[in-house]
Protein backbone atom coordinates (compact mmCIF):
# COMPACT_ATOMS: atom_id res chain seq x y z
CA UNK A 1 1.24 35.00 -3.74
CA UNK A 2 -2.46 34.70 -2.93
CA UNK A 3 -3.57 31.05 -2.97
CA UNK A 4 -7.20 29.93 -2.68
CA UNK A 5 -7.83 26.32 -1.66
CA UNK A 6 -11.13 24.73 -2.67
CA UNK A 7 -11.73 21.66 -0.50
CA UNK A 8 -14.51 19.06 -0.63
CA UNK A 9 -15.26 19.52 3.08
CA UNK A 10 -13.56 20.06 6.42
CA UNK A 11 -14.84 17.25 8.60
CA UNK A 12 -12.12 15.30 10.40
CA UNK A 13 -10.04 13.15 8.05
CA UNK A 14 -6.46 12.68 6.92
CA UNK A 15 -6.76 14.79 3.77
CA UNK A 16 -8.46 17.62 5.65
CA UNK A 17 -5.88 17.57 8.44
CA UNK A 18 -3.06 17.62 5.90
CA UNK A 19 -4.52 20.80 4.43
CA UNK A 20 -4.48 22.34 7.90
CA UNK A 21 -0.87 21.27 8.47
CA UNK A 22 0.16 22.65 5.08
CA UNK A 23 -1.49 26.00 5.79
CA UNK A 24 0.16 26.07 9.19
CA UNK A 25 3.61 25.53 7.69
CA UNK A 26 3.56 27.52 4.44
CA UNK A 27 5.48 30.78 5.04
CA UNK A 28 2.88 33.54 5.18
CA UNK A 29 5.28 36.03 3.58
CA UNK A 30 5.32 33.73 0.56
CA UNK A 31 1.73 32.42 0.46
CA UNK A 32 -1.40 34.23 1.65
CA UNK A 33 -4.19 31.59 1.79
CA UNK A 34 -7.98 31.48 1.62
CA UNK A 35 -10.03 28.30 2.07
CA UNK A 36 -13.37 27.62 0.38
CA UNK A 37 -15.15 24.51 1.69
CA UNK A 38 -17.96 22.92 -0.29
CA UNK A 39 -19.44 20.95 2.59
CA UNK A 40 -19.63 20.98 6.36
CA UNK A 41 -16.84 22.02 8.68
CA UNK A 42 -15.51 20.23 11.75
CA UNK A 43 -12.32 20.34 13.77
CA UNK A 44 -10.05 21.01 10.74
CA UNK A 45 -12.09 24.13 9.94
CA UNK A 46 -11.68 25.36 13.51
CA UNK A 47 -7.94 24.73 13.45
CA UNK A 48 -7.55 26.54 10.12
CA UNK A 49 -9.46 29.56 11.41
CA UNK A 50 -7.16 29.67 14.45
CA UNK A 51 -4.33 30.28 11.97
CA UNK A 52 -6.19 33.47 11.02
CA UNK A 53 -7.01 31.98 7.61
CA UNK A 54 -10.50 32.79 6.34
CA UNK A 55 -12.71 29.75 5.76
CA UNK A 56 -15.76 30.30 3.54
CA UNK A 57 -18.32 27.53 3.71
CA UNK A 58 -20.57 27.12 0.68
CA UNK A 59 -23.08 24.90 2.48
CA UNK A 60 -23.24 22.44 -0.39
CA UNK A 61 -24.82 19.62 1.62
CA UNK A 62 -27.82 19.26 -0.65
CA UNK A 63 -27.73 18.24 -4.31
CA UNK A 64 -30.58 20.36 -5.63
CA UNK A 65 -30.04 22.77 -8.51
CA UNK A 66 -30.82 25.77 -6.32
CA UNK A 67 -28.30 24.64 -3.68
CA UNK A 68 -25.57 24.11 -6.28
CA UNK A 69 -26.26 27.42 -8.05
CA UNK A 70 -26.25 29.38 -4.81
CA UNK A 71 -23.00 27.75 -3.69
CA UNK A 72 -21.35 28.44 -7.04
CA UNK A 73 -22.30 32.12 -6.92
CA UNK A 74 -21.02 32.46 -3.35
CA UNK A 75 -17.73 30.74 -4.18
CA UNK A 76 -17.12 32.74 -7.31
CA UNK A 77 -17.85 36.00 -5.49
CA UNK A 78 -15.34 35.02 -2.79
CA UNK A 79 -12.66 34.37 -5.40
CA UNK A 80 -13.29 37.69 -7.13
CA UNK A 81 -12.93 39.51 -3.80
CA UNK A 82 -9.76 37.63 -2.89
CA UNK A 83 -8.19 37.94 -6.37
CA UNK A 84 -5.98 34.85 -6.07
CA UNK A 85 -2.79 34.29 -8.03
CA UNK A 86 -3.52 30.56 -7.96
CA UNK A 87 -6.38 28.22 -7.00
CA UNK A 88 -5.70 24.76 -5.60
CA UNK A 89 -8.40 22.08 -5.56
CA UNK A 90 -8.22 19.59 -2.69
CA UNK A 91 -9.81 16.13 -3.14
CA UNK A 92 -12.08 15.04 -6.00
CA UNK A 93 -15.08 17.33 -5.46
CA UNK A 94 -12.82 20.24 -4.56
CA UNK A 95 -10.84 19.77 -7.77
CA UNK A 96 -13.88 19.84 -10.03
CA UNK A 97 -15.39 22.74 -8.08
CA UNK A 98 -12.13 24.68 -8.40
CA UNK A 99 -12.28 24.20 -12.17
CA UNK A 100 -15.88 25.47 -12.23
CA UNK A 101 -15.24 28.47 -9.97
CA UNK A 102 -12.20 29.67 -11.93
CA UNK A 103 -13.74 29.51 -15.41
CA UNK A 104 -13.10 32.78 -17.21
CA UNK A 105 -11.02 34.26 -14.38
CA UNK A 106 -7.64 33.53 -15.98
CA UNK A 107 -6.26 32.10 -12.72
CA UNK A 108 -3.92 29.08 -12.89
CA UNK A 109 -5.30 25.90 -11.37
CA UNK A 110 -3.60 23.13 -9.38
CA UNK A 111 -5.31 19.91 -8.32
CA UNK A 112 -4.45 17.77 -5.32
CA UNK A 113 -5.59 14.12 -5.32
CA UNK A 114 -5.37 12.63 -1.85
CA UNK A 115 -6.15 8.93 -2.27
CA UNK A 116 -5.66 5.85 -4.36
CA UNK A 117 -8.39 4.80 -6.76
CA UNK A 118 -11.10 2.19 -6.27
CA UNK A 119 -14.10 3.10 -8.40
CA UNK A 120 -16.11 0.07 -7.27
CA UNK A 121 -15.83 1.15 -3.64
CA UNK A 122 -17.04 4.71 -4.22
CA UNK A 123 -20.56 6.10 -4.24
CA UNK A 124 -22.15 6.56 -7.65
CA UNK A 125 -21.95 10.36 -7.38
CA UNK A 126 -18.26 10.21 -6.46
CA UNK A 127 -17.52 7.91 -9.40
CA UNK A 128 -19.08 10.52 -11.68
CA UNK A 129 -16.91 13.25 -10.17
CA UNK A 130 -13.78 11.11 -10.64
CA UNK A 131 -14.62 10.49 -14.31
CA UNK A 132 -15.43 14.18 -14.79
CA UNK A 133 -12.02 14.95 -13.32
CA UNK A 134 -10.36 12.72 -15.90
CA UNK A 135 -12.08 14.66 -18.73
CA UNK A 136 -11.04 18.01 -17.24
CA UNK A 137 -7.52 16.98 -16.20
CA UNK A 138 -5.73 18.85 -18.99
CA UNK A 139 -6.92 22.13 -17.49
CA UNK A 140 -4.83 22.31 -14.29
CA UNK A 141 -1.23 23.42 -14.66
CA UNK A 142 -0.14 20.77 -12.17
CA UNK A 143 -1.80 17.70 -10.62
CA UNK A 144 -0.31 16.74 -7.26
CA UNK A 145 -0.77 13.16 -6.07
CA UNK A 146 -0.12 12.10 -2.50
CA UNK A 147 1.13 8.66 -3.60
CA UNK A 148 2.94 7.07 -6.53
CA UNK A 149 0.37 4.28 -6.73
CA UNK A 150 -2.44 6.84 -6.83
CA UNK A 151 -0.75 8.62 -9.73
CA UNK A 152 -0.45 5.43 -11.78
CA UNK A 153 -4.06 4.44 -11.06
CA UNK A 154 -5.43 7.82 -12.12
CA UNK A 155 -3.31 7.91 -15.25
CA UNK A 156 -4.78 4.52 -16.16
CA UNK A 157 -8.35 5.90 -16.11
CA UNK A 158 -7.51 8.92 -18.24
CA UNK A 159 -6.01 11.60 -15.99
CA UNK A 160 -3.49 13.72 -17.86
CA UNK A 161 0.11 12.80 -17.03
CA UNK A 162 1.79 15.79 -18.66
CA UNK A 163 2.26 17.99 -15.59
CA UNK A 164 1.67 15.67 -12.63
CA UNK A 165 3.92 15.05 -9.65
CA UNK A 166 3.94 13.22 -6.30
CA UNK A 167 4.25 15.07 -2.98
CA UNK A 168 3.79 12.88 0.11
CA UNK A 169 2.21 13.98 3.35
CA UNK A 170 4.55 15.62 5.84
CA UNK A 171 4.70 15.23 9.60
CA UNK A 172 5.43 17.56 12.51
CA UNK A 173 8.17 16.10 14.65
CA UNK A 174 7.72 18.75 17.34
CA UNK A 175 4.00 18.03 17.69
CA UNK A 176 4.31 14.25 17.38
CA UNK A 177 6.81 12.68 19.74
CA UNK A 178 6.50 10.09 22.48
CA UNK A 179 5.47 11.75 25.73
CA UNK A 180 6.14 9.52 28.78
CA UNK A 181 3.82 11.49 31.08
CA UNK A 182 0.88 11.30 28.67
CA UNK A 183 1.66 7.66 28.03
CA UNK A 184 1.43 6.79 31.74
CA UNK A 185 -1.73 8.84 32.26
CA UNK A 186 -3.68 7.47 29.31
CA UNK A 187 -2.61 3.86 29.88
CA UNK A 188 -3.88 4.15 33.45
CA UNK A 189 -7.22 5.50 32.17
CA UNK A 190 -7.45 2.60 29.70
CA UNK A 191 -6.66 0.03 32.37
CA UNK A 192 -3.42 -1.08 30.68
CA UNK A 193 -0.75 -2.50 32.97
CA UNK A 194 3.00 -2.24 32.43
CA UNK A 195 2.94 -5.62 30.72
CA UNK A 196 0.01 -4.87 28.41
CA UNK A 197 0.82 -4.44 24.73
CA UNK A 198 -1.48 -1.62 23.56
CA UNK A 199 -2.35 -1.81 19.85
CA UNK A 200 -3.70 1.48 18.52
CA UNK A 201 -5.92 2.31 15.57
CA UNK A 202 -6.75 5.91 14.63
CA UNK A 203 -9.13 6.58 11.73
CA UNK A 204 -12.69 7.56 10.92
CA UNK A 205 -15.21 4.74 10.86
CA UNK A 206 -15.53 3.66 7.22
CA UNK A 207 -15.49 0.38 5.27
CA UNK A 208 -12.34 1.64 3.54
CA UNK A 209 -10.49 1.48 6.87
CA UNK A 210 -11.71 -2.13 7.45
CA UNK A 211 -12.34 -1.89 11.18
CA UNK A 212 -14.38 -5.10 10.87
CA UNK A 213 -11.25 -6.84 9.59
CA UNK A 214 -9.26 -5.49 12.53
CA UNK A 215 -11.81 -6.93 14.97
CA UNK A 216 -11.56 -10.27 13.17
CA UNK A 217 -7.78 -10.21 13.46
CA UNK A 218 -8.02 -9.16 17.11
CA UNK A 219 -9.98 -12.33 17.91
CA UNK A 220 -7.11 -14.40 16.52
CA UNK A 221 -4.51 -12.36 18.42
CA UNK A 222 -6.33 -12.67 21.75
CA UNK A 223 -6.67 -16.42 21.31
CA UNK A 224 -2.87 -16.65 21.58
CA UNK A 225 -1.81 -13.58 23.57
CA UNK A 226 -4.07 -12.22 26.32
CA UNK A 227 -1.84 -9.36 27.50
CA UNK A 228 -3.03 -7.08 24.70
CA UNK A 229 -5.47 -4.19 24.46
CA UNK A 230 -6.83 -2.78 21.19
CA UNK A 231 -7.63 0.95 21.37
CA UNK A 232 -9.70 2.26 18.45
CA UNK A 233 -10.08 6.04 18.14
CA UNK A 234 -11.63 8.33 15.57
CA UNK A 235 -14.95 9.70 14.37
CA UNK A 236 -17.60 6.98 14.74
CA UNK A 237 -15.39 4.64 16.76
CA UNK A 238 -17.29 4.98 20.01
CA UNK A 239 -19.95 3.27 22.09
CA UNK A 240 -22.71 4.63 19.86
CA UNK A 241 -21.49 2.49 16.96
CA UNK A 242 -23.95 -0.39 17.23
CA UNK A 243 -22.46 -2.44 14.38
CA UNK A 244 -18.93 -2.32 15.76
CA UNK A 245 -20.10 -2.96 19.33
CA UNK A 246 -22.04 -6.01 18.12
CA UNK A 247 -18.96 -7.36 16.32
CA UNK A 248 -16.89 -6.94 19.48
CA UNK A 249 -19.52 -8.78 21.55
CA UNK A 250 -19.83 -11.55 18.96
CA UNK A 251 -16.06 -12.12 19.11
CA UNK A 252 -16.12 -11.89 22.95
CA UNK A 253 -13.57 -9.12 22.85
CA UNK A 254 -15.15 -6.70 25.35
CA UNK A 255 -12.20 -6.96 27.80
CA UNK A 256 -9.68 -6.43 25.00
CA UNK A 257 -11.08 -3.51 22.96
CA UNK A 258 -11.68 0.12 23.88
CA UNK A 259 -13.69 2.41 21.58
CA UNK A 260 -12.66 5.93 22.58
CA UNK A 261 -14.14 8.02 19.75
CA UNK A 262 -12.66 11.15 18.26
CA UNK A 263 -9.61 12.52 20.05
CA UNK A 264 -8.34 16.10 20.16
CA UNK A 265 -4.88 14.91 21.22
CA UNK A 266 -3.68 12.11 18.95
CA UNK A 267 -0.15 12.45 20.32
CA UNK A 268 -1.34 11.29 23.76
CA UNK A 269 -3.13 8.29 22.26
CA UNK A 270 -0.12 7.33 20.14
CA UNK A 271 2.25 7.78 23.07
CA UNK A 272 0.19 5.21 24.98
CA UNK A 273 0.54 2.64 22.19
CA UNK A 274 3.13 -0.08 21.70
CA UNK A 275 1.95 -0.92 18.17
CA UNK A 276 -0.23 0.77 15.56
CA UNK A 277 -2.42 -0.89 12.94
CA UNK A 278 -4.11 0.54 9.85
CA UNK A 279 -5.72 -2.35 7.88
CA UNK A 280 -7.14 -0.26 5.00
CA UNK A 281 -9.00 -2.24 2.34
CA UNK A 282 -8.69 0.35 -0.44
CA UNK A 283 -8.44 4.07 -1.17
CA UNK A 284 -5.58 4.95 1.18
CA UNK A 285 -3.13 7.35 -0.43
CA UNK A 286 -0.44 8.24 2.08
CA UNK A 287 -1.78 7.59 5.60
CA UNK A 288 -1.34 10.47 8.03
CA UNK A 289 -2.06 8.36 11.09
CA UNK A 290 0.74 5.94 10.24
CA UNK A 291 3.29 8.74 9.83
CA UNK A 292 2.17 10.31 13.10
CA UNK A 293 2.48 6.97 14.89
CA UNK A 294 5.98 6.52 13.46
CA UNK A 295 6.93 10.02 14.65
CA UNK A 296 5.81 8.91 18.13
CA UNK A 297 8.14 5.89 17.87
CA UNK A 298 5.38 3.32 17.39
CA UNK A 299 6.00 0.39 14.99
CA UNK A 300 3.17 -0.05 12.48
CA UNK A 301 1.34 -2.81 10.65
CA UNK A 302 -0.25 -1.65 7.38
CA UNK A 303 -1.79 -3.18 4.27
CA UNK A 304 -0.53 -3.02 0.69
CA UNK A 305 -2.76 -0.07 -0.18
CA UNK A 306 -1.40 3.24 -1.45
CA UNK A 307 2.08 4.26 -0.36
CA UNK A 308 1.70 3.00 3.21
CA UNK A 309 4.27 0.21 2.62
CA UNK A 310 6.80 2.76 1.32
CA UNK A 311 6.16 4.99 4.32
CA UNK A 312 6.72 2.18 6.83
CA UNK A 313 9.72 0.71 5.03
CA UNK A 314 11.68 -1.70 7.21
CA UNK A 315 10.34 -0.23 10.47
CA UNK A 316 7.09 -2.24 10.49
CA UNK A 317 5.19 -5.00 8.73
CA UNK A 318 2.96 -5.10 5.63
CA UNK A 319 0.14 -7.55 4.80
CA UNK A 320 -2.37 -7.92 1.99
CA UNK A 321 -5.68 -6.04 2.37
CA UNK A 322 -8.49 -8.22 3.67
CA UNK A 323 -6.13 -10.93 4.98
CA UNK A 324 -7.29 -11.20 8.60
CA UNK A 325 -5.06 -14.18 9.36
CA UNK A 326 -2.03 -12.41 7.90
CA UNK A 327 -2.90 -9.29 9.88
CA UNK A 328 -3.20 -11.29 13.09
CA UNK A 329 0.13 -13.02 12.51
CA UNK A 330 1.88 -9.69 11.83
CA UNK A 331 0.48 -8.24 15.05
CA UNK A 332 1.47 -11.35 16.99
CA UNK A 333 4.98 -11.13 15.58
CA UNK A 334 5.42 -7.59 16.91
CA UNK A 335 3.70 -8.35 20.22
CA UNK A 336 6.15 -11.20 20.78
CA UNK A 337 9.17 -9.07 19.96
CA UNK A 338 8.93 -7.59 23.42
CA UNK A 339 9.29 -3.96 24.54
CA UNK A 340 13.04 -3.57 23.94
CA UNK A 341 12.97 -4.72 20.31
CA UNK A 342 9.79 -2.74 19.63
CA UNK A 343 11.46 0.38 21.04
CA UNK A 344 14.31 -0.12 18.58
CA UNK A 345 11.88 -0.36 15.67
CA UNK A 346 10.06 2.72 16.93
CA UNK A 347 13.25 4.76 17.08
CA UNK A 348 14.05 3.77 13.50
CA UNK A 349 10.51 4.75 12.48
CA UNK A 350 10.90 8.27 13.88
CA UNK A 351 14.26 8.65 12.16
CA UNK A 352 12.68 7.64 8.87
CA UNK A 353 10.03 10.38 9.22
CA UNK A 354 12.68 12.97 10.09
CA UNK A 355 14.86 12.06 7.13
CA UNK A 356 12.23 11.69 4.40
CA UNK A 357 8.84 13.12 5.37
CA UNK A 358 9.26 16.28 7.44
CA UNK A 359 6.44 18.77 7.04
CA UNK A 360 8.61 21.86 6.36
CA UNK A 361 10.24 20.10 3.41
CA UNK A 362 6.86 19.06 1.98
CA UNK A 363 5.44 22.58 2.43
CA UNK A 364 8.42 24.08 0.61
CA UNK A 365 7.85 21.70 -2.29
CA UNK A 366 4.16 22.71 -2.44
CA UNK A 367 5.12 26.38 -2.62
CA UNK A 368 7.47 25.48 -5.46
CA UNK A 369 4.65 23.76 -7.36
CA UNK A 370 2.52 26.91 -6.99
CA UNK A 371 5.37 29.07 -8.29
CA UNK A 372 5.77 26.77 -11.31
CA UNK A 373 2.04 26.89 -12.09
CA UNK A 374 2.00 30.69 -11.96
CA UNK A 375 5.08 30.86 -14.18
CA UNK A 376 3.43 28.57 -16.73
CA UNK A 377 0.56 31.06 -17.02
CA UNK A 378 2.69 34.18 -17.37
């Protein structure tokens, strides 16, 4: 089966990295892929190309009519050359673009929605795309949601429920496991002693991820426990981020926070951590970083956004979004557990990933969805 994926963009992010992991795991004798990216490419694009999967960038960074028309012609020509058996949209803009590019081609369409819904938190243009998706949502043969909460939210704003399903993110247990050597090396580089409890955060810099809330909670944690170090990694989480650096200075947290920027080896970072925190305010569907931390035997604190609480289960703690005091108390609770009890939680976390969220199982289910969509067209 030839499958073309139309993705909003390939800059670093959880949805983009999940596409890479899916392409890496889908059996090539069963699915031959092509990727069409509307916007700019970053590390995920490079990783996908290393799989010997063609990535066609449409350069749709501008919004002018000429830019859109040129991109549409290029994308449609690529599809005609590839002659796909199925086209899969990936994220809101990718879904609508996939609908546009396949018009008149007679190719079955699948959509993949990667987040929960918060219209008020989105840009005006993105809100329009989401509403357009609702109007077009009877066209795809299947709509795949990454979370159960996301499915219910989208149904409530008009997305067709007739052929939808939920497929969570999957995680690579071979690639994500605690590495003692990397743990020792990175902790030494960070200046963490044996007794330091390292609290990790891995995400792009965005209000949705509520890094400001994490800094606020960190101030409360440090007021009671000084043997802690917060390590924040991801695109935009570096010394060039003036707003975040100012917040850290204002809270007098310079000795307790490290901004390390984007990492090419998240396993090393997670191996160095004793806890992981993702305090998302909205929009999170099924957080990749949390699953990867759990695979590395790191207990997690998450907010009640998307399916993060279901992912963590009884292996971590859950607080309400925006509740800085609750977040601080959850972190303090796990800090005070001590290393032995935290190691027990971490082992249970990895077992939970292995039992319920392994990447090969998720990839097999995706291939099944594609088979069903093709059969519905025959």
